[in-house]
Structures are given as C-alpha cells and as structure tokens.
PDB file of N, CA and C in Angstrom:
ATOM      1  N   MET A   1     -29.209  33.076 -15.823  1.00  0.00           N
ATOM      2  CA  MET A   1     -28.173  34.036 -15.465  1.00  0.00           C
ATOM      3  C   MET A   1     -28.086  34.176 -13.932  1.00  0.00           C
ATOM      4  N   GLU A   2     -29.287  34.068 -13.315  1.00  0.00           N
ATOM      5  CA  GLU A   2     -29.246  34.193 -11.885  1.00  0.00           C
ATOM      6  C   GLU A   2     -28.569  33.045 -11.162  1.00  0.00           C
ATOM      7  N   ALA A   3     -28.536  31.897 -11.835  1.00  0.00           N
ATOM      8  CA  ALA A   3     -27.896  30.748 -11.288  1.00  0.00           C
ATOM      9  C   ALA A   3     -26.428  30.894 -11.234  1.00  0.00           C
ATOM     10  N   ILE A   4     -25.846  31.598 -12.162  1.00  0.00           N
ATOM     11  CA  ILE A   4     -24.363  31.868 -12.200  1.00  0.00           C
ATOM     12  C   ILE A   4     -23.928  32.698 -11.014  1.00  0.00           C
ATOM     13  N   PHE A   5     -24.774  33.701 -10.577  1.00  0.00           N
ATOM     14  CA  PHE A   5     -24.466  34.501  -9.500  1.00  0.00           C
ATOM     15  C   PHE A   5     -24.446  33.688  -8.201  1.00  0.00           C
ATOM     16  N   LEU A   6     -25.110  32.570  -8.154  1.00  0.00           N
ATOM     17  CA  LEU A   6     -25.108  31.683  -7.017  1.00  0.00           C
ATOM     18  C   LEU A   6     -23.951  30.631  -7.105  1.00  0.00           C
ATOM     19  N   LEU A   7     -23.819  30.133  -8.363  1.00  0.00           N
ATOM     20  CA  LEU A   7     -22.885  28.941  -8.495  1.00  0.00           C
ATOM     21  C   LEU A   7     -21.411  29.406  -8.424  1.00  0.00           C
ATOM     22  N   ILE A   8     -21.097  30.550  -8.903  1.00  0.00           N
ATOM     23  CA  ILE A   8     -19.672  30.993  -8.895  1.00  0.00           C
ATOM     24  C   ILE A   8     -19.195  31.192  -7.422  1.00  0.00           C
ATOM     25  N   PRO A   9     -19.853  31.906  -6.567  1.00  0.00           N
ATOM     26  CA  PRO A   9     -19.446  32.040  -5.221  1.00  0.00           C
ATOM     27  C   PRO A   9     -19.414  30.685  -4.437  1.00  0.00           C
ATOM     28  N   LEU A  10     -20.358  29.805  -4.775  1.00  0.00           N
ATOM     29  CA  LEU A  10     -20.382  28.495  -4.103  1.00  0.00           C
ATOM     30  C   LEU A  10     -19.141  27.668  -4.538  1.00  0.00           C
ATOM     31  N   SER A  11     -18.812  27.686  -5.806  1.00  0.00           N
ATOM     32  CA  SER A  11     -17.655  26.944  -6.288  1.00  0.00           C
ATOM     33  C   SER A  11     -16.392  27.488  -5.727  1.00  0.00           C
ATOM     34  N   LEU A  12     -16.293  28.830  -5.649  1.00  0.00           N
ATOM     35  CA  LEU A  12     -15.076  29.411  -5.025  1.00  0.00           C
ATOM     36  C   LEU A  12     -15.008  29.087  -3.571  1.00  0.00           C
ATOM     37  N   ALA A  13     -16.140  29.094  -2.845  1.00  0.00           N
ATOM     38  CA  ALA A  13     -16.070  28.642  -1.457  1.00  0.00           C
ATOM     39  C   ALA A  13     -15.652  27.174  -1.302  1.00  0.00           C
ATOM     40  N   LEU A  14     -16.167  26.314  -2.166  1.00  0.00           N
ATOM     41  CA  LEU A  14     -15.772  24.901  -2.130  1.00  0.00           C
ATOM     42  C   LEU A  14     -14.293  24.724  -2.471  1.00  0.00           C
ATOM     43  N   LEU A  15     -13.792  25.488  -3.467  1.00  0.00           N
ATOM     44  CA  LEU A  15     -12.392  25.445  -3.726  1.00  0.00           C
ATOM     45  C   LEU A  15     -11.513  25.892  -2.550  1.00  0.00           C
ATOM     46  N   GLY A  16     -11.960  26.909  -1.861  1.00  0.00           N
ATOM     47  CA  GLY A  16     -11.267  27.448  -0.684  1.00  0.00           C
ATOM     48  C   GLY A  16     -11.231  26.372   0.419  1.00  0.00           C
ATOM     49  N   VAL A  17     -12.356  25.708   0.609  1.00  0.00           N
ATOM     50  CA  VAL A  17     -12.422  24.673   1.645  1.00  0.00           C
ATOM     51  C   VAL A  17     -11.452  23.486   1.291  1.00  0.00           C
ATOM     52  N   ALA A  18     -11.450  23.148  -0.039  1.00  0.00           N
ATOM     53  CA  ALA A  18     -10.529  22.075  -0.492  1.00  0.00           C
ATOM     54  C   ALA A  18      -9.058  22.455  -0.275  1.00  0.00           C
ATOM     55  N   VAL A  19      -8.711  23.652  -0.605  1.00  0.00           N
ATOM     56  CA  VAL A  19      -7.317  24.108  -0.408  1.00  0.00           C
ATOM     57  C   VAL A  19      -6.978  24.135   1.051  1.00  0.00           C
ATOM     58  N   TRP A  20      -7.860  24.642   1.902  1.00  0.00           N
ATOM     59  CA  TRP A  20      -7.629  24.706   3.347  1.00  0.00           C
ATOM     60  C   TRP A  20      -7.432  23.301   3.920  1.00  0.00           C
ATOM     61  N   LEU A  21      -8.292  22.322   3.489  1.00  0.00           N
ATOM     62  CA  LEU A  21      -8.134  20.943   3.969  1.00  0.00           C
ATOM     63  C   LEU A  21      -6.810  20.344   3.571  1.00  0.00           C
ATOM     64  N   TYR A  22      -6.411  20.630   2.318  1.00  0.00           N
ATOM     65  CA  TYR A  22      -5.140  20.111   1.852  1.00  0.00           C
ATOM     66  C   TYR A  22      -3.973  20.605   2.683  1.00  0.00           C
ATOM     67  N   PHE A  23      -3.897  21.933   2.919  1.00  0.00           N
ATOM     68  CA  PHE A  23      -2.784  22.439   3.701  1.00  0.00           C
ATOM     69  C   PHE A  23      -2.883  22.045   5.156  1.00  0.00           C
ATOM     70  N   ARG A  24      -4.070  21.821   5.665  1.00  0.00           N
ATOM     71  CA  ARG A  24      -4.198  21.286   7.030  1.00  0.00           C
ATOM     72  C   ARG A  24      -3.652  19.865   7.210  1.00  0.00           C
ATOM     73  N   MET A  25      -3.972  19.037   6.187  1.00  0.00           N
ATOM     74  CA  MET A  25      -3.452  17.683   6.215  1.00  0.00           C
ATOM     75  C   MET A  25      -1.970  17.673   5.989  1.00  0.00           C
ATOM     76  N   ASP A  26      -1.485  18.490   5.089  1.00  0.00           N
ATOM     77  CA  ASP A  26      -0.067  18.563   4.833  1.00  0.00           C
ATOM     78  C   ASP A  26       0.741  19.005   6.052  1.00  0.00           C
ATOM     79  N   ASN A  27       0.262  19.958   6.846  1.00  0.00           N
ATOM     80  CA  ASN A  27       0.881  20.420   8.005  1.00  0.00           C
ATOM     81  C   ASN A  27       0.876  19.327   9.150  1.00  0.00           C
ATOM     82  N   SER A  28      -0.172  18.464   9.138  1.00  0.00           N
ATOM     83  CA  SER A  28      -0.238  17.463  10.200  1.00  0.00           C
ATOM     84  C   SER A  28       0.621  16.248   9.899  1.00  0.00           C
ATOM     85  N   GLY A  29       1.325  16.245   8.664  1.00  0.00           N
ATOM     86  CA  GLY A  29       2.165  15.123   8.366  1.00  0.00           C
ATOM     87  C   GLY A  29       1.478  14.008   7.598  1.00  0.00           C
ATOM     88  N   GLN A  30       0.323  14.183   7.043  1.00  0.00           N
ATOM     89  CA  GLN A  30      -0.403  13.178   6.390  1.00  0.00           C
ATOM     90  C   GLN A  30       0.283  12.615   5.131  1.00  0.00           C
ATOM     91  N   PHE A  31       1.086  13.459   4.475  1.00  0.00           N
ATOM     92  CA  PHE A  31       1.725  13.068   3.209  1.00  0.00           C
ATOM     93  C   PHE A  31       3.257  12.868   3.424  1.00  0.00           C
ATOM     94  N   LYS A  32       3.710  12.719   4.611  1.00  0.00           N
ATOM     95  CA  LYS A  32       5.206  12.639   4.835  1.00  0.00           C
ATOM     96  C   LYS A  32       5.712  11.262   4.474  1.00  0.00           C
ATOM     97  N   ASP A  33       5.017  10.152   4.792  1.00  0.00           N
ATOM     98  CA  ASP A  33       5.516   8.804   4.526  1.00  0.00           C
ATOM     99  C   ASP A  33       4.397   8.039   3.834  1.00  0.00           C
ATOM    100  N   LEU A  34       4.487   7.981   2.538  1.00  0.00           N
ATOM    101  CA  LEU A  34       3.398   7.350   1.769  1.00  0.00           C
ATOM    102  C   LEU A  34       3.681   5.874   1.495  1.00  0.00           C
ATOM    103  N   GLU A  35       4.898   5.379   1.631  1.00  0.00           N
ATOM    104  CA  GLU A  35       5.222   4.032   1.199  1.00  0.00           C
ATOM    105  C   GLU A  35       5.299   3.031   2.376  1.00  0.00           C
ATOM    106  N   SER A  36       5.550   3.471   3.629  1.00  0.00           N
ATOM    107  CA  SER A  36       5.770   2.501   4.658  1.00  0.00           C
ATOM    108  C   SER A  36       4.586   1.597   4.956  1.00  0.00           C
ATOM    109  N   HIS A  37       3.352   2.128   4.878  1.00  0.00           N
ATOM    110  CA  HIS A  37       2.149   1.289   5.127  1.00  0.00           C
ATOM    111  C   HIS A  37       1.975   0.222   4.070  1.00  0.00           C
ATOM    112  N   GLY A  38       2.275   0.577   2.834  1.00  0.00           N
ATOM    113  CA  GLY A  38       2.216  -0.426   1.774  1.00  0.00           C
ATOM    114  C   GLY A  38       3.232  -1.578   1.938  1.00  0.00           C
ATOM    115  N   ARG A  39       4.455  -1.195   2.362  1.00  0.00           N
ATOM    116  CA  ARG A  39       5.465  -2.213   2.622  1.00  0.00           C
ATOM    117  C   ARG A  39       5.089  -3.065   3.866  1.00  0.00           C
ATOM    118  N   GLN A  40       4.462  -2.375   4.857  1.00  0.00           N
ATOM    119  CA  GLN A  40       4.146  -3.074   6.102  1.00  0.00           C
ATOM    120  C   GLN A  40       3.021  -4.142   5.786  1.00  0.00           C
ATOM    121  N   LEU A  41       2.141  -3.880   4.876  1.00  0.00           N
ATOM    122  CA  LEU A  41       1.140  -4.870   4.464  1.00  0.00           C
ATOM    123  C   LEU A  41       1.772  -6.067   3.763  1.00  0.00           C
ATOM    124  N   LEU A  42       2.787  -5.801   2.941  1.00  0.00           N
ATOM    125  CA  LEU A  42       3.454  -6.900   2.275  1.00  0.00           C
ATOM    126  C   LEU A  42       4.310  -7.725   3.211  1.00  0.00           C
ATOM    127  N   LEU A  43       4.901  -7.170   4.217  1.00  0.00           N
ATOM    128  CA  LEU A  43       5.757  -7.873   5.115  1.00  0.00           C
ATOM    129  C   LEU A  43       5.007  -8.435   6.365  1.00  0.00           C
ATOM    130  N   ASP A  44       3.743  -8.166   6.464  1.00  0.00           N
ATOM    131  CA  ASP A  44       2.916  -8.582   7.621  1.00  0.00           C
ATOM    132  C   ASP A  44       2.958 -10.145   7.673  1.00  0.00           C
ATOM    133  N   ASP A  45       3.115 -10.661   8.879  1.00  0.00           N
ATOM    134  CA  ASP A  45       3.154 -12.125   9.059  1.00  0.00           C
ATOM    135  C   ASP A  45       1.737 -12.670   9.289  1.00  0.00           C
ATOM    136  N   ASP A  46       1.354 -13.604   8.519  1.00  0.00           N
ATOM    137  CA  ASP A  46       0.021 -14.161   8.622  1.00  0.00           C
ATOM    138  C   ASP A  46      -0.140 -15.205   9.727  1.00  0.00           C
ATOM    139  N   ASN A  47       0.950 -15.692  10.282  1.00  0.00           N
ATOM    140  CA  ASN A  47       0.905 -16.723  11.359  1.00  0.00           C
ATOM    141  C   ASN A  47       0.706 -16.055  12.692  1.00  0.00           C
ATOM    142  N   THR A  48      -0.572 -15.775  13.005  1.00  0.00           N
ATOM    143  CA  THR A  48      -0.819 -15.104  14.311  1.00  0.00           C
ATOM    144  C   THR A  48      -0.867 -16.036  15.417  1.00  0.00           C
ATOM    145  N   GLY A  49      -1.083 -17.295  15.189  1.00  0.00           N
ATOM    146  CA  GLY A  49      -1.223 -18.246  16.311  1.00  0.00           C
ATOM    147  C   GLY A  49       0.132 -18.823  16.716  1.00  0.00           C
ATOM    148  N   VAL A  50       1.157 -18.466  16.025  1.00  0.00           N
ATOM    149  CA  VAL A  50       2.507 -19.057  16.315  1.00  0.00           C
ATOM    150  C   VAL A  50       3.152 -18.106  17.390  1.00  0.00           C
ATOM    151  N   GLN A  51       3.843 -18.707  18.319  1.00  0.00           N
ATOM    152  CA  GLN A  51       4.467 -17.871  19.383  1.00  0.00           C
ATOM    153  C   GLN A  51       5.615 -17.104  18.724  1.00  0.00           C
ATOM    154  N   ALA A  52       6.085 -16.107  19.492  1.00  0.00           N
ATOM    155  CA  ALA A  52       7.108 -15.147  18.970  1.00  0.00           C
ATOM    156  C   ALA A  52       8.374 -15.776  18.661  1.00  0.00           C
ATOM    157  N   GLY A  53       8.841 -16.812  19.437  1.00  0.00           N
ATOM    158  CA  GLY A  53      10.069 -17.461  19.175  1.00  0.00           C
ATOM    159  C   GLY A  53      10.021 -18.436  18.018  1.00  0.00           C
ATOM    160  N   GLN A  54       8.869 -18.841  17.636  1.00  0.00           N
ATOM    161  CA  GLN A  54       8.716 -19.848  16.540  1.00  0.00           C
ATOM    162  C   GLN A  54       8.500 -19.091  15.235  1.00  0.00           C
ATOM    163  N   LYS A  55       8.235 -17.804  15.188  1.00  0.00           N
ATOM    164  CA  LYS A  55       7.929 -17.083  13.999  1.00  0.00           C
ATOM    165  C   LYS A  55       9.115 -17.122  13.070  1.00  0.00           C
ATOM    166  N   ASP A  56      10.332 -16.905  13.606  1.00  0.00           N
ATOM    167  CA  ASP A  56      11.517 -16.895  12.786  1.00  0.00           C
ATOM    168  C   ASP A  56      11.794 -18.246  12.204  1.00  0.00           C
ATOM    169  N   VAL A  57      11.503 -19.220  12.929  1.00  0.00           N
ATOM    170  CA  VAL A  57      11.800 -20.656  12.410  1.00  0.00           C
ATOM    171  C   VAL A  57      10.804 -20.954  11.293  1.00  0.00           C
ATOM    172  N   VAL A  58       9.565 -20.643  11.476  1.00  0.00           N
ATOM    173  CA  VAL A  58       8.582 -20.908  10.508  1.00  0.00           C
ATOM    174  C   VAL A  58       8.894 -20.117   9.241  1.00  0.00           C
ATOM    175  N   ALA A  59       9.231 -18.804   9.345  1.00  0.00           N
ATOM    176  CA  ALA A  59       9.506 -18.017   8.186  1.00  0.00           C
ATOM    177  C   ALA A  59      10.725 -18.497   7.463  1.00  0.00           C
ATOM    178  N   SER A  60      11.717 -18.951   8.222  1.00  0.00           N
ATOM    179  CA  SER A  60      12.963 -19.426   7.570  1.00  0.00           C
ATOM    180  C   SER A  60      12.729 -20.772   6.889  1.00  0.00           C
ATOM    181  N   GLN A  61      11.789 -21.538   7.286  1.00  0.00           N
ATOM    182  CA  GLN A  61      11.449 -22.772   6.672  1.00  0.00           C
ATOM    183  C   GLN A  61      10.563 -22.512   5.403  1.00  0.00           C
ATOM    184  N   GLN A  62       9.744 -21.527   5.430  1.00  0.00           N
ATOM    185  CA  GLN A  62       8.865 -21.260   4.303  1.00  0.00           C
ATOM    186  C   GLN A  62       9.591 -20.674   3.086  1.00  0.00           C
ATOM    187  N   ILE A  63      10.541 -19.758   3.380  1.00  0.00           N
ATOM    188  CA  ILE A  63      11.191 -19.005   2.307  1.00  0.00           C
ATOM    189  C   ILE A  63      12.000 -19.931   1.332  1.00  0.00           C
ATOM    190  N   PRO A  64      12.757 -20.847   1.826  1.00  0.00           N
ATOM    191  CA  PRO A  64      13.505 -21.640   0.838  1.00  0.00           C
ATOM    192  C   PRO A  64      12.573 -22.544   0.007  1.00  0.00           C
ATOM    193  N   THR A  65      11.491 -23.006   0.621  1.00  0.00           N
ATOM    194  CA  THR A  65      10.542 -23.845  -0.160  1.00  0.00           C
ATOM    195  C   THR A  65       9.918 -23.059  -1.240  1.00  0.00           C
ATOM    196  N   GLN A  66       9.572 -21.794  -0.899  1.00  0.00           N
ATOM    197  CA  GLN A  66       8.888 -20.954  -1.910  1.00  0.00           C
ATOM    198  C   GLN A  66       9.891 -20.569  -3.007  1.00  0.00           C
ATOM    199  N   VAL A  67      11.180 -20.337  -2.659  1.00  0.00           N
ATOM    200  CA  VAL A  67      12.167 -19.995  -3.631  1.00  0.00           C
ATOM    201  C   VAL A  67      12.435 -21.157  -4.627  1.00  0.00           C
ATOM    202  N   THR A  68      12.476 -22.379  -4.013  1.00  0.00           N
ATOM    203  CA  THR A  68      12.679 -23.521  -4.881  1.00  0.00           C
ATOM    204  C   THR A  68      11.457 -23.804  -5.810  1.00  0.00           C
ATOM    205  N   LYS A  69      10.302 -23.600  -5.303  1.00  0.00           N
ATOM    206  CA  LYS A  69       9.108 -23.749  -6.187  1.00  0.00           C
ATOM    207  C   LYS A  69       9.159 -22.807  -7.337  1.00  0.00           C
ATOM    208  N   ILE A  70       9.506 -21.529  -7.034  1.00  0.00           N
ATOM    209  CA  ILE A  70       9.581 -20.544  -8.082  1.00  0.00           C
ATOM    210  C   ILE A  70      10.670 -20.900  -9.096  1.00  0.00           C
ATOM    211  N   ALA A  71      11.826 -21.362  -8.625  1.00  0.00           N
ATOM    212  CA  ALA A  71      12.900 -21.735  -9.452  1.00  0.00           C
ATOM    213  C   ALA A  71      12.519 -22.885 -10.399  1.00  0.00           C
ATOM    214  N   LYS A  72      11.886 -23.847  -9.843  1.00  0.00           N
ATOM    215  CA  LYS A  72      11.407 -24.983 -10.648  1.00  0.00           C
ATOM    216  C   LYS A  72      10.386 -24.566 -11.715  1.00  0.00           C
ATOM    217  N   GLN A  73       9.504 -23.688 -11.345  1.00  0.00           N
ATOM    218  CA  GLN A  73       8.475 -23.170 -12.319  1.00  0.00           C
ATOM    219  C   GLN A  73       9.185 -22.454 -13.475  1.00  0.00           C
ATOM    220  N   THR A  74      10.147 -21.637 -13.114  1.00  0.00           N
ATOM    221  CA  THR A  74      10.845 -20.874 -14.181  1.00  0.00           C
ATOM    222  C   THR A  74      11.610 -21.791 -15.096  1.00  0.00           C
ATOM    223  N   GLU A  75      12.257 -22.838 -14.540  1.00  0.00           N
ATOM    224  CA  GLU A  75      13.011 -23.809 -15.356  1.00  0.00           C
ATOM    225  C   GLU A  75      12.049 -24.571 -16.271  1.00  0.00           C
ATOM    226  N   GLN A  76      10.887 -24.924 -15.718  1.00  0.00           N
ATOM    227  CA  GLN A  76       9.867 -25.621 -16.536  1.00  0.00           C
ATOM    228  C   GLN A  76       9.389 -24.733 -17.675  1.00  0.00           C
ATOM    229  N   ASN A  77       9.164 -23.518 -17.416  1.00  0.00           N
ATOM    230  CA  ASN A  77       8.708 -22.516 -18.369  1.00  0.00           C
ATOM    231  C   ASN A  77       9.741 -22.300 -19.461  1.00  0.00           C
ATOM    232  N   LYS A  78      11.040 -22.289 -19.098  1.00  0.00           N
ATOM    233  CA  LYS A  78      12.107 -22.115 -20.066  1.00  0.00           C
ATOM    234  C   LYS A  78      12.207 -23.397 -20.956  1.00  0.00           C
ATOM    235  N   SER A  79      12.077 -24.568 -20.368  1.00  0.00           N
ATOM    236  CA  SER A  79      12.132 -25.776 -21.115  1.00  0.00           C
ATOM    237  C   SER A  79      10.946 -25.927 -22.073  1.00  0.00           C
ATOM    238  N   ASN A  80       9.810 -25.487 -21.637  1.00  0.00           N
ATOM    239  CA  ASN A  80       8.618 -25.568 -22.496  1.00  0.00           C
ATOM    240  C   ASN A  80       8.676 -24.603 -23.663  1.00  0.00           C
ATOM    241  N   ASN A  81       9.348 -23.433 -23.473  1.00  0.00           N
ATOM    242  CA  ASN A  81       9.449 -22.468 -24.503  1.00  0.00           C
ATOM    243  C   ASN A  81      10.438 -22.850 -25.621  1.00  0.00           C
ATOM    244  N   ARG A  82      11.295 -23.761 -25.281  1.00  0.00           N
ATOM    245  CA  ARG A  82      12.361 -24.160 -26.303  1.00  0.00           C
ATOM    246  C   ARG A  82      11.814 -25.015 -27.341  1.00  0.00           C
TER     247      ARG A  82
END
C-alpha cells in the first residue's frame, strides 16, 4: 500500500512531463511537415560524383530505360499468366 503512495505521484509527474514535451515540440513546429523528408529521401540523387550540369542528362537517360524494363516485365507477367 505504501508503494501506491509513491507510484501515483511519480506517474502523474511523468505524465505531466510527457504532455509538456509534446506541447513544446508542437509549438516549435516539429509536427508541421511530416511528409517532405520522406519524399526528399525518395527523390535524392545517388550520383554524387557527377557534376551539376550532367545530373539532368544522366537522370533523363536512366528514367526511360527503367520505364521500358518495367513495361517489359509487366508484359511478360501478363503473357505468363494467360
């Protein structure tokens, strides 16, 4: 019974700290933009050694080949399923 008199105030203090931290982070803008960092990771360019002017050329050459590979794979999958 004596433990309850200690645990209840400690749990309420911990709850108060958690609520205070949440509102502090919310006021600082922590939860304003949750999706841009995830998109930024997906759109990040892995070609770090390529110069800035060549990045667009390399990316434009890679995209059509990737699209054609995916299209060929889907056609093969459709023909295999028939």
